[in-house]
Amino acid sequence: MTPKEIAAHYEAKVFESPEAAKVAGFVLTETESPRNVWNKASAAQAIVIKLAEKRASGIAREIGLIIEPWSVTGCYLPDTPEPAAA
């Protein structure tokens, strides 16, 4: 499975950049920079499983993956909105 297929399987949103996820209100989590395509899919799977656990526990309302050419980053939309930065 590709990272996009993994995201679809877990009903995770897909973003092309960290900035796009932040604008949508998502909080960034871990980033993996795999060496090849197979490792990229494996990294995406590992990240999205952790995010799915956050969603199941009520910490996250929505989950997402930021899929860039050389990295995969997890993100989630908190169940309660983050306070605005001053």
N, C-alpha and C. Protein backbone atom coordinates (compact mmCIF):
# COMPACT_ATOMS: atom_id res chain seq x y z
N MET A 1 0.84 -1.19 0.00
CA MET A 1 0.00 0.00 0.00
C MET A 1 0.89 1.25 0.00
N THR A 2 0.41 2.27 -0.65
CA THR A 2 1.13 3.55 -0.65
C THR A 2 0.71 4.36 0.57
N PRO A 3 1.46 5.38 0.94
CA PRO A 3 1.05 6.22 2.07
C PRO A 3 -0.36 6.81 1.89
N LYS A 4 -0.72 7.19 0.67
CA LYS A 4 -2.07 7.73 0.44
C LYS A 4 -3.14 6.66 0.64
N GLU A 5 -2.86 5.43 0.22
CA GLU A 5 -3.80 4.34 0.44
C GLU A 5 -3.94 4.02 1.92
N ILE A 6 -2.83 4.08 2.64
CA ILE A 6 -2.86 3.86 4.09
C ILE A 6 -3.71 4.93 4.76
N ALA A 7 -3.52 6.18 4.36
CA ALA A 7 -4.31 7.28 4.91
C ALA A 7 -5.80 7.06 4.64
N ALA A 8 -6.14 6.65 3.43
CA ALA A 8 -7.53 6.40 3.08
C ALA A 8 -8.11 5.27 3.91
N HIS A 9 -7.32 4.22 4.13
CA HIS A 9 -7.78 3.07 4.93
C HIS A 9 -8.14 3.49 6.36
N TYR A 10 -7.37 4.40 6.93
CA TYR A 10 -7.60 4.85 8.30
C TYR A 10 -8.43 6.14 8.37
N GLU A 11 -8.97 6.55 7.23
CA GLU A 11 -9.79 7.77 7.15
C GLU A 11 -9.02 8.98 7.68
N ALA A 12 -7.78 9.09 7.25
CA ALA A 12 -6.92 10.21 7.64
C ALA A 12 -6.85 11.20 6.47
N LYS A 13 -6.83 12.47 6.80
CA LYS A 13 -6.66 13.50 5.77
C LYS A 13 -5.23 13.48 5.28
N VAL A 14 -5.04 13.89 4.03
CA VAL A 14 -3.71 13.95 3.46
C VAL A 14 -3.37 15.41 3.15
N PHE A 15 -2.22 15.83 3.62
CA PHE A 15 -1.73 17.18 3.36
C PHE A 15 -0.42 17.09 2.60
N GLU A 16 -0.10 18.13 1.82
CA GLU A 16 1.14 18.14 1.06
C GLU A 16 2.27 18.89 1.77
N SER A 17 1.92 19.66 2.83
CA SER A 17 2.95 20.38 3.55
C SER A 17 2.53 20.58 5.00
N PRO A 18 3.50 20.73 5.90
CA PRO A 18 3.17 21.00 7.29
C PRO A 18 2.37 22.30 7.45
N GLU A 19 2.68 23.29 6.63
CA GLU A 19 1.97 24.56 6.73
C GLU A 19 0.48 24.39 6.44
N ALA A 20 0.14 23.57 5.45
CA ALA A 20 -1.26 23.33 5.11
C ALA A 20 -2.00 22.67 6.27
N ALA A 21 -1.34 21.75 6.96
CA ALA A 21 -1.96 21.09 8.10
C ALA A 21 -2.16 22.08 9.26
N LYS A 22 -1.16 22.91 9.50
CA LYS A 22 -1.27 23.90 10.58
C LYS A 22 -2.41 24.88 10.31
N VAL A 23 -2.53 25.34 9.06
CA VAL A 23 -3.60 26.28 8.70
C VAL A 23 -4.97 25.64 8.95
N ALA A 24 -5.07 24.33 8.74
CA ALA A 24 -6.33 23.62 8.96
C ALA A 24 -6.58 23.33 10.44
N GLY A 25 -5.65 23.74 11.32
CA GLY A 25 -5.84 23.56 12.76
C GLY A 25 -5.26 22.27 13.32
N PHE A 26 -4.50 21.55 12.52
CA PHE A 26 -3.93 20.28 12.96
C PHE A 26 -2.63 20.51 13.74
N VAL A 27 -2.37 19.63 14.70
CA VAL A 27 -1.16 19.64 15.50
C VAL A 27 -0.23 18.60 14.90
N LEU A 28 1.02 18.97 14.65
CA LEU A 28 1.98 18.04 14.07
C LEU A 28 2.53 17.11 15.14
N THR A 29 2.80 15.87 14.73
CA THR A 29 3.42 14.90 15.64
C THR A 29 4.78 14.51 15.06
N GLU A 30 5.06 13.24 15.01
CA GLU A 30 6.39 12.79 14.59
C GLU A 30 6.58 12.83 13.07
N THR A 31 7.84 12.97 12.67
CA THR A 31 8.22 12.96 11.26
C THR A 31 9.24 11.85 11.04
N GLU A 32 9.05 11.11 9.97
CA GLU A 32 10.00 10.08 9.57
C GLU A 32 10.53 10.43 8.19
N SER A 33 11.81 10.22 7.96
CA SER A 33 12.43 10.48 6.65
C SER A 33 13.05 9.17 6.14
N PRO A 34 12.22 8.30 5.60
CA PRO A 34 12.72 7.00 5.13
C PRO A 34 13.61 7.11 3.89
N ARG A 35 14.42 6.09 3.68
CA ARG A 35 15.37 6.10 2.56
C ARG A 35 14.75 5.68 1.24
N ASN A 36 13.67 4.91 1.26
CA ASN A 36 13.09 4.43 0.01
C ASN A 36 11.56 4.33 0.11
N VAL A 37 10.94 3.98 -0.99
CA VAL A 37 9.48 3.94 -1.08
C VAL A 37 8.88 2.94 -0.09
N TRP A 38 9.48 1.77 0.05
CA TRP A 38 8.93 0.76 0.94
C TRP A 38 8.99 1.22 2.39
N ASN A 39 10.09 1.84 2.76
CA ASN A 39 10.20 2.35 4.12
C ASN A 39 9.25 3.51 4.36
N LYS A 40 8.94 4.28 3.32
CA LYS A 40 8.00 5.40 3.45
C LYS A 40 6.62 4.87 3.80
N ALA A 41 6.19 3.80 3.14
CA ALA A 41 4.90 3.20 3.45
C ALA A 41 4.89 2.63 4.86
N SER A 42 5.97 2.01 5.26
CA SER A 42 6.08 1.45 6.61
C SER A 42 6.03 2.56 7.66
N ALA A 43 6.72 3.65 7.40
CA ALA A 43 6.71 4.79 8.32
C ALA A 43 5.30 5.38 8.42
N ALA A 44 4.63 5.51 7.28
CA ALA A 44 3.26 6.05 7.28
C ALA A 44 2.34 5.15 8.09
N GLN A 45 2.48 3.84 7.94
CA GLN A 45 1.66 2.88 8.68
C GLN A 45 1.88 3.03 10.18
N ALA A 46 3.13 3.10 10.60
CA ALA A 46 3.44 3.22 12.02
C ALA A 46 2.88 4.51 12.61
N ILE A 47 3.03 5.61 11.88
CA ILE A 47 2.54 6.90 12.36
C ILE A 47 1.02 6.91 12.45
N VAL A 48 0.35 6.40 11.43
CA VAL A 48 -1.11 6.47 11.40
C VAL A 48 -1.73 5.55 12.45
N ILE A 49 -1.08 4.46 12.79
CA ILE A 49 -1.60 3.58 13.85
C ILE A 49 -1.59 4.33 15.18
N LYS A 50 -0.52 5.05 15.48
CA LYS A 50 -0.47 5.84 16.72
C LYS A 50 -1.55 6.92 16.72
N LEU A 51 -1.76 7.54 15.56
CA LEU A 51 -2.79 8.58 15.47
C LEU A 51 -4.19 7.98 15.62
N ALA A 52 -4.41 6.80 15.08
CA ALA A 52 -5.71 6.13 15.22
C ALA A 52 -6.01 5.83 16.68
N GLU A 53 -4.97 5.51 17.44
CA GLU A 53 -5.14 5.29 18.88
C GLU A 53 -5.55 6.58 19.58
N LYS A 54 -4.97 7.71 19.17
CA LYS A 54 -5.36 9.01 19.74
C LYS A 54 -6.83 9.30 19.44
N ARG A 55 -7.26 8.98 18.22
CA ARG A 55 -8.64 9.22 17.83
C ARG A 55 -9.57 8.31 18.64
N ALA A 56 -9.20 7.06 18.80
CA ALA A 56 -10.03 6.12 19.55
C ALA A 56 -10.15 6.51 21.02
N SER A 57 -9.10 7.12 21.57
CA SER A 57 -9.14 7.51 22.98
C SER A 57 -9.80 8.87 23.20
N GLY A 58 -10.15 9.56 22.12
CA GLY A 58 -10.85 10.84 22.26
C GLY A 58 -9.93 12.05 22.28
N ILE A 59 -8.63 11.85 22.16
CA ILE A 59 -7.69 12.97 22.14
C ILE A 59 -7.80 13.73 20.83
N ALA A 60 -7.99 12.98 19.74
CA ALA A 60 -8.04 13.58 18.40
C ALA A 60 -9.43 13.42 17.79
N ARG A 61 -9.90 14.48 17.17
CA ARG A 61 -11.17 14.44 16.45
C ARG A 61 -10.95 13.89 15.05
N GLU A 62 -9.85 14.32 14.42
CA GLU A 62 -9.46 13.86 13.08
C GLU A 62 -7.97 13.62 13.07
N ILE A 63 -7.53 12.73 12.16
CA ILE A 63 -6.11 12.47 12.02
C ILE A 63 -5.69 12.74 10.58
N GLY A 64 -4.39 12.93 10.38
CA GLY A 64 -3.90 13.19 9.04
C GLY A 64 -2.44 12.81 8.86
N LEU A 65 -2.06 12.73 7.60
CA LEU A 65 -0.67 12.48 7.23
C LEU A 65 -0.21 13.58 6.29
N ILE A 66 0.99 14.07 6.52
CA ILE A 66 1.61 15.03 5.61
C ILE A 66 2.61 14.22 4.80
N ILE A 67 2.31 14.06 3.52
CA ILE A 67 3.14 13.22 2.66
C ILE A 67 3.94 14.13 1.73
N GLU A 68 5.22 14.22 2.03
CA GLU A 68 6.15 15.01 1.23
C GLU A 68 7.06 14.04 0.48
N PRO A 69 7.78 14.52 -0.53
CA PRO A 69 8.62 13.59 -1.31
C PRO A 69 9.59 12.75 -0.47
N TRP A 70 10.19 13.33 0.57
CA TRP A 70 11.21 12.59 1.32
C TRP A 70 10.87 12.39 2.78
N SER A 71 9.60 12.67 3.17
CA SER A 71 9.23 12.46 4.57
C SER A 71 7.73 12.26 4.72
N VAL A 72 7.38 11.71 5.86
CA VAL A 72 5.97 11.53 6.25
C VAL A 72 5.84 12.05 7.67
N THR A 73 4.84 12.89 7.91
CA THR A 73 4.60 13.46 9.23
C THR A 73 3.16 13.19 9.63
N GLY A 74 2.96 12.88 10.88
CA GLY A 74 1.61 12.70 11.39
C GLY A 74 1.06 14.01 11.92
N CYS A 75 -0.26 14.11 11.94
CA CYS A 75 -0.90 15.28 12.52
C CYS A 75 -2.31 14.91 12.96
N TYR A 76 -2.85 15.70 13.87
CA TYR A 76 -4.21 15.44 14.32
C TYR A 76 -4.89 16.74 14.70
N LEU A 77 -6.21 16.71 14.63
CA LEU A 77 -7.03 17.83 15.03
C LEU A 77 -7.49 17.52 16.45
N PRO A 78 -7.08 18.30 17.44
CA PRO A 78 -7.45 18.02 18.82
C PRO A 78 -8.96 18.04 19.01
N ASP A 79 -9.41 17.21 19.96
CA ASP A 79 -10.84 17.16 20.25
C ASP A 79 -11.32 18.50 20.78
N THR A 80 -10.47 19.17 21.56
CA THR A 80 -10.77 20.53 22.00
C THR A 80 -9.80 21.46 21.31
N PRO A 81 -10.24 22.59 20.82
CA PRO A 81 -9.35 23.48 20.07
C PRO A 81 -8.16 23.94 20.91
N GLU A 82 -7.02 24.05 20.23
CA GLU A 82 -5.81 24.57 20.89
C GLU A 82 -5.99 26.05 21.15
N PRO A 83 -5.49 26.56 22.26
CA PRO A 83 -5.58 28.00 22.51
C PRO A 83 -4.77 28.78 21.49
N ALA A 84 -5.27 29.91 21.09
CA ALA A 84 -4.59 30.74 20.08
C ALA A 84 -3.30 31.30 20.67
N ALA A 85 -2.27 31.35 19.86
CA ALA A 85 -0.98 31.91 20.30
C ALA A 85 -1.11 33.43 20.38
N ALA A 86 -0.51 34.00 21.40
CA ALA A 86 -0.60 35.45 21.58
C ALA A 86 0.42 36.18 20.77
